[in-house]
PDB file of N, CA and C in Angstrom:
ATOM      1  N   MET A   1      16.111  33.260 -11.255  1.00  0.00           N
ATOM      2  CA  MET A   1      16.863  32.218 -10.597  1.00  0.00           C
ATOM      3  C   MET A   1      16.324  31.913  -9.209  1.00  0.00           C
ATOM      4  N   GLU A   2      15.706  32.871  -8.564  1.00  0.00           N
ATOM      5  CA  GLU A   2      15.201  32.639  -7.214  1.00  0.00           C
ATOM      6  C   GLU A   2      14.080  31.614  -7.202  1.00  0.00           C
ATOM      7  N   LYS A   3      13.323  31.524  -8.285  1.00  0.00           N
ATOM      8  CA  LYS A   3      12.207  30.582  -8.318  1.00  0.00           C
ATOM      9  C   LYS A   3      12.671  29.136  -8.402  1.00  0.00           C
ATOM     10  N   SER A   4      13.811  28.904  -9.017  1.00  0.00           N
ATOM     11  CA  SER A   4      14.292  27.534  -9.173  1.00  0.00           C
ATOM     12  C   SER A   4      14.510  26.830  -7.834  1.00  0.00           C
ATOM     13  N   PRO A   5      15.251  27.428  -6.876  1.00  0.00           N
ATOM     14  CA  PRO A   5      15.394  26.748  -5.578  1.00  0.00           C
ATOM     15  C   PRO A   5      14.053  26.570  -4.863  1.00  0.00           C
ATOM     16  N   ALA A   6      13.178  27.543  -4.977  1.00  0.00           N
ATOM     17  CA  ALA A   6      11.877  27.432  -4.327  1.00  0.00           C
ATOM     18  C   ALA A   6      11.082  26.276  -4.934  1.00  0.00           C
ATOM     19  N   THR A   7      11.166  26.144  -6.248  1.00  0.00           N
ATOM     20  CA  THR A   7      10.461  25.058  -6.916  1.00  0.00           C
ATOM     21  C   THR A   7      11.017  23.716  -6.465  1.00  0.00           C
ATOM     22  N   ASN A   8      12.339  23.618  -6.387  1.00  0.00           N
ATOM     23  CA  ASN A   8      12.955  22.378  -5.934  1.00  0.00           C
ATOM     24  C   ASN A   8      12.567  22.068  -4.499  1.00  0.00           C
ATOM     25  N   THR A   9      12.533  23.072  -3.646  1.00  0.00           N
ATOM     26  CA  THR A   9      12.175  22.879  -2.246  1.00  0.00           C
ATOM     27  C   THR A   9      10.736  22.399  -2.124  1.00  0.00           C
ATOM     28  N   SER A  10       9.834  23.026  -2.870  1.00  0.00           N
ATOM     29  CA  SER A  10       8.437  22.617  -2.757  1.00  0.00           C
ATOM     30  C   SER A  10       8.228  21.217  -3.320  1.00  0.00           C
ATOM     31  N   ALA A  11       8.915  20.885  -4.408  1.00  0.00           N
ATOM     32  CA  ALA A  11       8.794  19.544  -4.969  1.00  0.00           C
ATOM     33  C   ALA A  11       9.334  18.511  -3.988  1.00  0.00           C
ATOM     34  N   THR A  12      10.439  18.827  -3.337  1.00  0.00           N
ATOM     35  CA  THR A  12      11.023  17.908  -2.366  1.00  0.00           C
ATOM     36  C   THR A  12      10.100  17.741  -1.172  1.00  0.00           C
ATOM     37  N   SER A  13       9.511  18.831  -0.707  1.00  0.00           N
ATOM     38  CA  SER A  13       8.651  18.737   0.466  1.00  0.00           C
ATOM     39  C   SER A  13       7.340  18.030   0.141  1.00  0.00           C
ATOM     40  N   GLU A  14       6.924  18.006  -1.134  1.00  0.00           N
ATOM     41  CA  GLU A  14       5.686  17.340  -1.507  1.00  0.00           C
ATOM     42  C   GLU A  14       5.850  15.822  -1.584  1.00  0.00           C
ATOM     43  N   LYS A  15       7.020  15.344  -1.865  1.00  0.00           N
ATOM     44  CA  LYS A  15       7.216  13.907  -2.034  1.00  0.00           C
ATOM     45  C   LYS A  15       6.825  13.098  -0.803  1.00  0.00           C
ATOM     46  N   PRO A  16       7.281  13.445   0.395  1.00  0.00           N
ATOM     47  CA  PRO A  16       6.846  12.651   1.559  1.00  0.00           C
ATOM     48  C   PRO A  16       5.326  12.681   1.738  1.00  0.00           C
ATOM     49  N   GLN A  17       4.716  13.814   1.504  1.00  0.00           N
ATOM     50  CA  GLN A  17       3.264  13.901   1.640  1.00  0.00           C
ATOM     51  C   GLN A  17       2.588  13.012   0.600  1.00  0.00           C
ATOM     52  N   ASN A  18       3.078  13.052  -0.638  1.00  0.00           N
ATOM     53  CA  ASN A  18       2.504  12.205  -1.680  1.00  0.00           C
ATOM     54  C   ASN A  18       2.706  10.734  -1.346  1.00  0.00           C
ATOM     55  N   MET A  19       3.878  10.379  -0.804  1.00  0.00           N
ATOM     56  CA  MET A  19       4.137   9.001  -0.419  1.00  0.00           C
ATOM     57  C   MET A  19       3.178   8.576   0.680  1.00  0.00           C
ATOM     58  N   ASP A  20       2.941   9.448   1.647  1.00  0.00           N
ATOM     59  CA  ASP A  20       1.991   9.147   2.720  1.00  0.00           C
ATOM     60  C   ASP A  20       0.582   8.973   2.161  1.00  0.00           C
ATOM     61  N   GLN A  21       0.214   9.848   1.226  1.00  0.00           N
ATOM     62  CA  GLN A  21      -1.115   9.755   0.619  1.00  0.00           C
ATOM     63  C   GLN A  21      -1.250   8.472  -0.191  1.00  0.00           C
ATOM     64  N   ASN A  22      -0.195   8.112  -0.935  1.00  0.00           N
ATOM     65  CA  ASN A  22      -0.222   6.876  -1.717  1.00  0.00           C
ATOM     66  C   ASN A  22      -0.327   5.663  -0.803  1.00  0.00           C
ATOM     67  N   LYS A  23       0.452   5.672   0.277  1.00  0.00           N
ATOM     68  CA  LYS A  23       0.410   4.552   1.223  1.00  0.00           C
ATOM     69  C   LYS A  23      -0.980   4.441   1.828  1.00  0.00           C
ATOM     70  N   GLN A  24      -1.558   5.560   2.207  1.00  0.00           N
ATOM     71  CA  GLN A  24      -2.897   5.541   2.797  1.00  0.00           C
ATOM     72  C   GLN A  24      -3.929   5.053   1.789  1.00  0.00           C
ATOM     73  N   ALA A  25      -3.789   5.432   0.533  1.00  0.00           N
ATOM     74  CA  ALA A  25      -4.710   4.975  -0.511  1.00  0.00           C
ATOM     75  C   ALA A  25      -4.619   3.462  -0.677  1.00  0.00           C
ATOM     76  N   VAL A  26      -3.398   2.928  -0.649  1.00  0.00           N
ATOM     77  CA  VAL A  26      -3.213   1.472  -0.752  1.00  0.00           C
ATOM     78  C   VAL A  26      -3.873   0.780   0.432  1.00  0.00           C
ATOM     79  N   LEU A  27      -3.627   1.283   1.627  1.00  0.00           N
ATOM     80  CA  LEU A  27      -4.216   0.677   2.823  1.00  0.00           C
ATOM     81  C   LEU A  27      -5.740   0.739   2.779  1.00  0.00           C
ATOM     82  N   ASN A  28      -6.278   1.849   2.306  1.00  0.00           N
ATOM     83  CA  ASN A  28      -7.739   1.973   2.179  1.00  0.00           C
ATOM     84  C   ASN A  28      -8.297   0.971   1.172  1.00  0.00           C
ATOM     85  N   ASP A  29      -7.576   0.791   0.057  1.00  0.00           N
ATOM     86  CA  ASP A  29      -8.019  -0.170  -0.953  1.00  0.00           C
ATOM     87  C   ASP A  29      -8.003  -1.596  -0.396  1.00  0.00           C
ATOM     88  N   ILE A  30      -6.992  -1.911   0.389  1.00  0.00           N
ATOM     89  CA  ILE A  30      -6.896  -3.233   1.006  1.00  0.00           C
ATOM     90  C   ILE A  30      -8.074  -3.451   1.951  1.00  0.00           C
ATOM     91  N   ARG A  31      -8.347  -2.465   2.789  1.00  0.00           N
ATOM     92  CA  ARG A  31      -9.470  -2.592   3.737  1.00  0.00           C
ATOM     93  C   ARG A  31     -10.800  -2.682   3.016  1.00  0.00           C
ATOM     94  N   ALA A  32     -10.936  -1.969   1.892  1.00  0.00           N
ATOM     95  CA  ALA A  32     -12.189  -2.015   1.136  1.00  0.00           C
ATOM     96  C   ALA A  32     -12.410  -3.399   0.521  1.00  0.00           C
ATOM     97  N   LYS A  33     -11.350  -4.018   0.051  1.00  0.00           N
ATOM     98  CA  LYS A  33     -11.451  -5.335  -0.585  1.00  0.00           C
ATOM     99  C   LYS A  33     -11.606  -6.446   0.453  1.00  0.00           C
ATOM    100  N   TRP A  34     -10.826  -6.372   1.525  1.00  0.00           N
ATOM    101  CA  TRP A  34     -10.800  -7.440   2.523  1.00  0.00           C
ATOM    102  C   TRP A  34     -11.185  -6.873   3.889  1.00  0.00           C
ATOM    103  N   SER A  35     -12.463  -6.785   4.149  1.00  0.00           N
ATOM    104  CA  SER A  35     -12.973  -6.138   5.365  1.00  0.00           C
ATOM    105  C   SER A  35     -12.719  -6.935   6.638  1.00  0.00           C
ATOM    106  N   LYS A  36     -12.277  -8.187   6.514  1.00  0.00           N
ATOM    107  CA  LYS A  36     -11.967  -8.960   7.719  1.00  0.00           C
ATOM    108  C   LYS A  36     -10.688  -8.469   8.396  1.00  0.00           C
ATOM    109  N   PHE A  37      -9.893  -7.663   7.690  1.00  0.00           N
ATOM    110  CA  PHE A  37      -8.671  -7.114   8.281  1.00  0.00           C
ATOM    111  C   PHE A  37      -8.985  -5.812   8.998  1.00  0.00           C
ATOM    112  N   SER A  38      -8.482  -5.677  10.212  1.00  0.00           N
ATOM    113  CA  SER A  38      -8.638  -4.421  10.939  1.00  0.00           C
ATOM    114  C   SER A  38      -7.632  -3.408  10.385  1.00  0.00           C
ATOM    115  N   GLU A  39      -7.816  -2.171  10.750  1.00  0.00           N
ATOM    116  CA  GLU A  39      -6.871  -1.127  10.353  1.00  0.00           C
ATOM    117  C   GLU A  39      -5.473  -1.462  10.886  1.00  0.00           C
ATOM    118  N   GLN A  40      -5.433  -2.003  12.091  1.00  0.00           N
ATOM    119  CA  GLN A  40      -4.151  -2.390  12.694  1.00  0.00           C
ATOM    120  C   GLN A  40      -3.509  -3.542  11.908  1.00  0.00           C
ATOM    121  N   ASP A  41      -4.316  -4.513  11.493  1.00  0.00           N
ATOM    122  CA  ASP A  41      -3.805  -5.620  10.673  1.00  0.00           C
ATOM    123  C   ASP A  41      -3.152  -5.085   9.401  1.00  0.00           C
ATOM    124  N   VAL A  42      -3.878  -4.222   8.718  1.00  0.00           N
ATOM    125  CA  VAL A  42      -3.414  -3.693   7.437  1.00  0.00           C
ATOM    126  C   VAL A  42      -2.124  -2.884   7.618  1.00  0.00           C
ATOM    127  N   SER A  43      -2.060  -2.100   8.667  1.00  0.00           N
ATOM    128  CA  SER A  43      -0.864  -1.290   8.921  1.00  0.00           C
ATOM    129  C   SER A  43       0.354  -2.146   9.262  1.00  0.00           C
ATOM    130  N   ALA A  44       0.120  -3.364   9.751  1.00  0.00           N
ATOM    131  CA  ALA A  44       1.216  -4.232  10.179  1.00  0.00           C
ATOM    132  C   ALA A  44       1.791  -5.097   9.057  1.00  0.00           C
ATOM    133  N   PHE A  45       1.152  -5.115   7.883  1.00  0.00           N
ATOM    134  CA  PHE A  45       1.679  -5.935   6.795  1.00  0.00           C
ATOM    135  C   PHE A  45       3.090  -5.498   6.446  1.00  0.00           C
ATOM    136  N   LYS A  46       3.983  -6.488   6.296  1.00  0.00           N
ATOM    137  CA  LYS A  46       5.387  -6.201   6.037  1.00  0.00           C
ATOM    138  C   LYS A  46       5.695  -6.071   4.555  1.00  0.00           C
ATOM    139  N   GLY A  47       4.780  -6.473   3.722  1.00  0.00           N
ATOM    140  CA  GLY A  47       4.990  -6.396   2.285  1.00  0.00           C
ATOM    141  C   GLY A  47       3.934  -7.197   1.552  1.00  0.00           C
ATOM    142  N   LYS A  48       4.099  -7.266   0.246  1.00  0.00           N
ATOM    143  CA  LYS A  48       3.115  -7.942  -0.594  1.00  0.00           C
ATOM    144  C   LYS A  48       3.013  -9.429  -0.257  1.00  0.00           C
ATOM    145  N   ALA A  49       4.139 -10.088  -0.047  1.00  0.00           N
ATOM    146  CA  ALA A  49       4.124 -11.518   0.269  1.00  0.00           C
ATOM    147  C   ALA A  49       3.356 -11.784   1.568  1.00  0.00           C
ATOM    148  N   ASP A  50       3.539 -10.906   2.540  1.00  0.00           N
ATOM    149  CA  ASP A  50       2.822 -11.027   3.809  1.00  0.00           C
ATOM    150  C   ASP A  50       1.321 -10.862   3.585  1.00  0.00           C
ATOM    151  N   LEU A  51       0.948  -9.880   2.782  1.00  0.00           N
ATOM    152  CA  LEU A  51      -0.462  -9.651   2.478  1.00  0.00           C
ATOM    153  C   LEU A  51      -1.063 -10.872   1.774  1.00  0.00           C
ATOM    154  N   VAL A  52      -0.342 -11.406   0.797  1.00  0.00           N
ATOM    155  CA  VAL A  52      -0.839 -12.590   0.077  1.00  0.00           C
ATOM    156  C   VAL A  52      -1.080 -13.736   1.053  1.00  0.00           C
ATOM    157  N   SER A  53      -0.114 -13.991   1.927  1.00  0.00           N
ATOM    158  CA  SER A  53      -0.246 -15.074   2.902  1.00  0.00           C
ATOM    159  C   SER A  53      -1.438 -14.854   3.820  1.00  0.00           C
ATOM    160  N   GLN A  54      -1.596 -13.640   4.305  1.00  0.00           N
ATOM    161  CA  GLN A  54      -2.690 -13.335   5.228  1.00  0.00           C
ATOM    162  C   GLN A  54      -4.053 -13.428   4.547  1.00  0.00           C
ATOM    163  N   VAL A  55      -4.131 -12.973   3.296  1.00  0.00           N
ATOM    164  CA  VAL A  55      -5.388 -13.076   2.540  1.00  0.00           C
ATOM    165  C   VAL A  55      -5.738 -14.545   2.348  1.00  0.00           C
ATOM    166  N   ALA A  56      -4.753 -15.356   1.983  1.00  0.00           N
ATOM    167  CA  ALA A  56      -4.986 -16.786   1.767  1.00  0.00           C
ATOM    168  C   ALA A  56      -5.517 -17.446   3.035  1.00  0.00           C
ATOM    169  N   VAL A  57      -4.906 -17.138   4.169  1.00  0.00           N
ATOM    170  CA  VAL A  57      -5.316 -17.747   5.437  1.00  0.00           C
ATOM    171  C   VAL A  57      -6.694 -17.253   5.871  1.00  0.00           C
ATOM    172  N   LYS A  58      -6.864 -15.940   5.880  1.00  0.00           N
ATOM    173  CA  LYS A  58      -8.090 -15.360   6.430  1.00  0.00           C
ATOM    174  C   LYS A  58      -9.315 -15.646   5.561  1.00  0.00           C
ATOM    175  N   TYR A  59      -9.102 -15.771   4.244  1.00  0.00           N
ATOM    176  CA  TYR A  59     -10.235 -15.972   3.345  1.00  0.00           C
ATOM    177  C   TYR A  59     -10.291 -17.381   2.756  1.00  0.00           C
ATOM    178  N   GLY A  60      -9.397 -18.275   3.202  1.00  0.00           N
ATOM    179  CA  GLY A  60      -9.424 -19.655   2.757  1.00  0.00           C
ATOM    180  C   GLY A  60      -9.134 -19.834   1.272  1.00  0.00           C
ATOM    181  N   LEU A  61      -8.247 -19.006   0.741  1.00  0.00           N
ATOM    182  CA  LEU A  61      -7.901 -19.078  -0.676  1.00  0.00           C
ATOM    183  C   LEU A  61      -6.585 -19.818  -0.878  1.00  0.00           C
ATOM    184  N   GLU A  62      -6.413 -20.364  -2.062  1.00  0.00           N
ATOM    185  CA  GLU A  62      -5.116 -20.917  -2.421  1.00  0.00           C
ATOM    186  C   GLU A  62      -4.161 -19.748  -2.663  1.00  0.00           C
ATOM    187  N   GLN A  63      -2.865 -20.005  -2.484  1.00  0.00           N
ATOM    188  CA  GLN A  63      -1.861 -18.941  -2.637  1.00  0.00           C
ATOM    189  C   GLN A  63      -1.963 -18.250  -3.998  1.00  0.00           C
ATOM    190  N   GLY A  64      -2.141 -19.037  -5.053  1.00  0.00           N
ATOM    191  CA  GLY A  64      -2.224 -18.463  -6.401  1.00  0.00           C
ATOM    192  C   GLY A  64      -3.389 -17.509  -6.561  1.00  0.00           C
ATOM    193  N   GLN A  65      -4.544 -17.893  -6.030  1.00  0.00           N
ATOM    194  CA  GLN A  65      -5.728 -17.027  -6.100  1.00  0.00           C
ATOM    195  C   GLN A  65      -5.518 -15.775  -5.258  1.00  0.00           C
ATOM    196  N   ALA A  66      -4.965 -15.943  -4.074  1.00  0.00           N
ATOM    197  CA  ALA A  66      -4.690 -14.779  -3.212  1.00  0.00           C
ATOM    198  C   ALA A  66      -3.713 -13.839  -3.908  1.00  0.00           C
ATOM    199  N   GLN A  67      -2.690 -14.401  -4.554  1.00  0.00           N
ATOM    200  CA  GLN A  67      -1.697 -13.586  -5.276  1.00  0.00           C
ATOM    201  C   GLN A  67      -2.366 -12.766  -6.379  1.00  0.00           C
ATOM    202  N   ARG A  68      -3.245 -13.392  -7.149  1.00  0.00           N
ATOM    203  CA  ARG A  68      -3.934 -12.676  -8.235  1.00  0.00           C
ATOM    204  C   ARG A  68      -4.808 -11.564  -7.681  1.00  0.00           C
ATOM    205  N   GLU A  69      -5.508 -11.843  -6.584  1.00  0.00           N
ATOM    206  CA  GLU A  69      -6.376 -10.811  -5.998  1.00  0.00           C
ATOM    207  C   GLU A  69      -5.567  -9.648  -5.434  1.00  0.00           C
ATOM    208  N   VAL A  70      -4.463  -9.961  -4.769  1.00  0.00           N
ATOM    209  CA  VAL A  70      -3.592  -8.905  -4.227  1.00  0.00           C
ATOM    210  C   VAL A  70      -3.021  -8.073  -5.368  1.00  0.00           C
ATOM    211  N   ASP A  71      -2.543  -8.731  -6.422  1.00  0.00           N
ATOM    212  CA  ASP A  71      -1.997  -8.002  -7.576  1.00  0.00           C
ATOM    213  C   ASP A  71      -3.037  -7.060  -8.171  1.00  0.00           C
ATOM    214  N   ALA A  72      -4.284  -7.521  -8.250  1.00  0.00           N
ATOM    215  CA  ALA A  72      -5.356  -6.696  -8.813  1.00  0.00           C
ATOM    216  C   ALA A  72      -5.622  -5.461  -7.952  1.00  0.00           C
ATOM    217  N   VAL A  73      -5.534  -5.613  -6.642  1.00  0.00           N
ATOM    218  CA  VAL A  73      -5.792  -4.474  -5.744  1.00  0.00           C
ATOM    219  C   VAL A  73      -4.601  -3.519  -5.717  1.00  0.00           C
ATOM    220  N   LEU A  74      -3.398  -4.056  -5.644  1.00  0.00           N
ATOM    221  CA  LEU A  74      -2.207  -3.199  -5.529  1.00  0.00           C
ATOM    222  C   LEU A  74      -1.873  -2.483  -6.830  1.00  0.00           C
ATOM    223  N   LYS A  75      -2.125  -3.102  -7.959  1.00  0.00           N
ATOM    224  CA  LYS A  75      -1.853  -2.484  -9.267  1.00  0.00           C
ATOM    225  C   LYS A  75      -0.428  -1.952  -9.341  1.00  0.00           C
ATOM    226  N   GLY A  76       0.525  -2.737  -8.879  1.00  0.00           N
ATOM    227  CA  GLY A  76       1.931  -2.357  -8.954  1.00  0.00           C
ATOM    228  C   GLY A  76       2.426  -1.482  -7.814  1.00  0.00           C
ATOM    229  N   ARG A  77       1.516  -1.090  -6.921  1.00  0.00           N
ATOM    230  CA  ARG A  77       1.929  -0.247  -5.791  1.00  0.00           C
ATOM    231  C   ARG A  77       2.568  -1.105  -4.696  1.00  0.00           C
ATOM    232  N   GLN A  78       3.312  -0.477  -3.832  1.00  0.00           N
ATOM    233  CA  GLN A  78       4.000  -1.160  -2.732  1.00  0.00           C
ATOM    234  C   GLN A  78       3.199  -0.990  -1.443  1.00  0.00           C
ATOM    235  N   ILE A  79       3.417  -1.943  -0.530  1.00  0.00           N
ATOM    236  CA  ILE A  79       2.893  -1.795   0.832  1.00  0.00           C
ATOM    237  C   ILE A  79       4.012  -2.107   1.790  1.00  0.00           C
ATOM    238  N   GLY A  80       3.802  -1.809   3.050  1.00  0.00           N
ATOM    239  CA  GLY A  80       4.808  -2.119   4.067  1.00  0.00           C
ATOM    240  C   GLY A  80       5.878  -1.056   4.131  1.00  0.00           C
ATOM    241  N   ALA A  81       7.037  -1.438   4.668  1.00  0.00           N
ATOM    242  CA  ALA A  81       8.114  -0.487   4.923  1.00  0.00           C
ATOM    243  C   ALA A  81       8.621   0.179   3.656  1.00  0.00           C
ATOM    244  N   GLY A  82       8.559  -0.510   2.522  1.00  0.00           N
ATOM    245  CA  GLY A  82       9.053   0.054   1.281  1.00  0.00           C
ATOM    246  C   GLY A  82       8.067   0.974   0.585  1.00  0.00           C
ATOM    247  N   ALA A  83       6.865   1.140   1.135  1.00  0.00           N
ATOM    248  CA  ALA A  83       5.841   1.938   0.487  1.00  0.00           C
ATOM    249  C   ALA A  83       6.124   3.407   0.545  1.00  0.00           C
TER     250      ALA A  83
END
């Protein structure tokens, strides 16, 4: 029985680290795809819609094309405060 609480504690403590690692992986993927964005730019994105808008503006794409490219990079992952 002693192992059960320890297992729960370690699993709980790993989640924030995994979330941080996932967020960092998303940010790295964004920077790899769109190098015109600085690290500060990428960290400031408020969400997927913000990223789509910024990609469209910075790279001269139509919203639909920017949306498809963002979807391809994010692969269902979140960015911004909800990440």
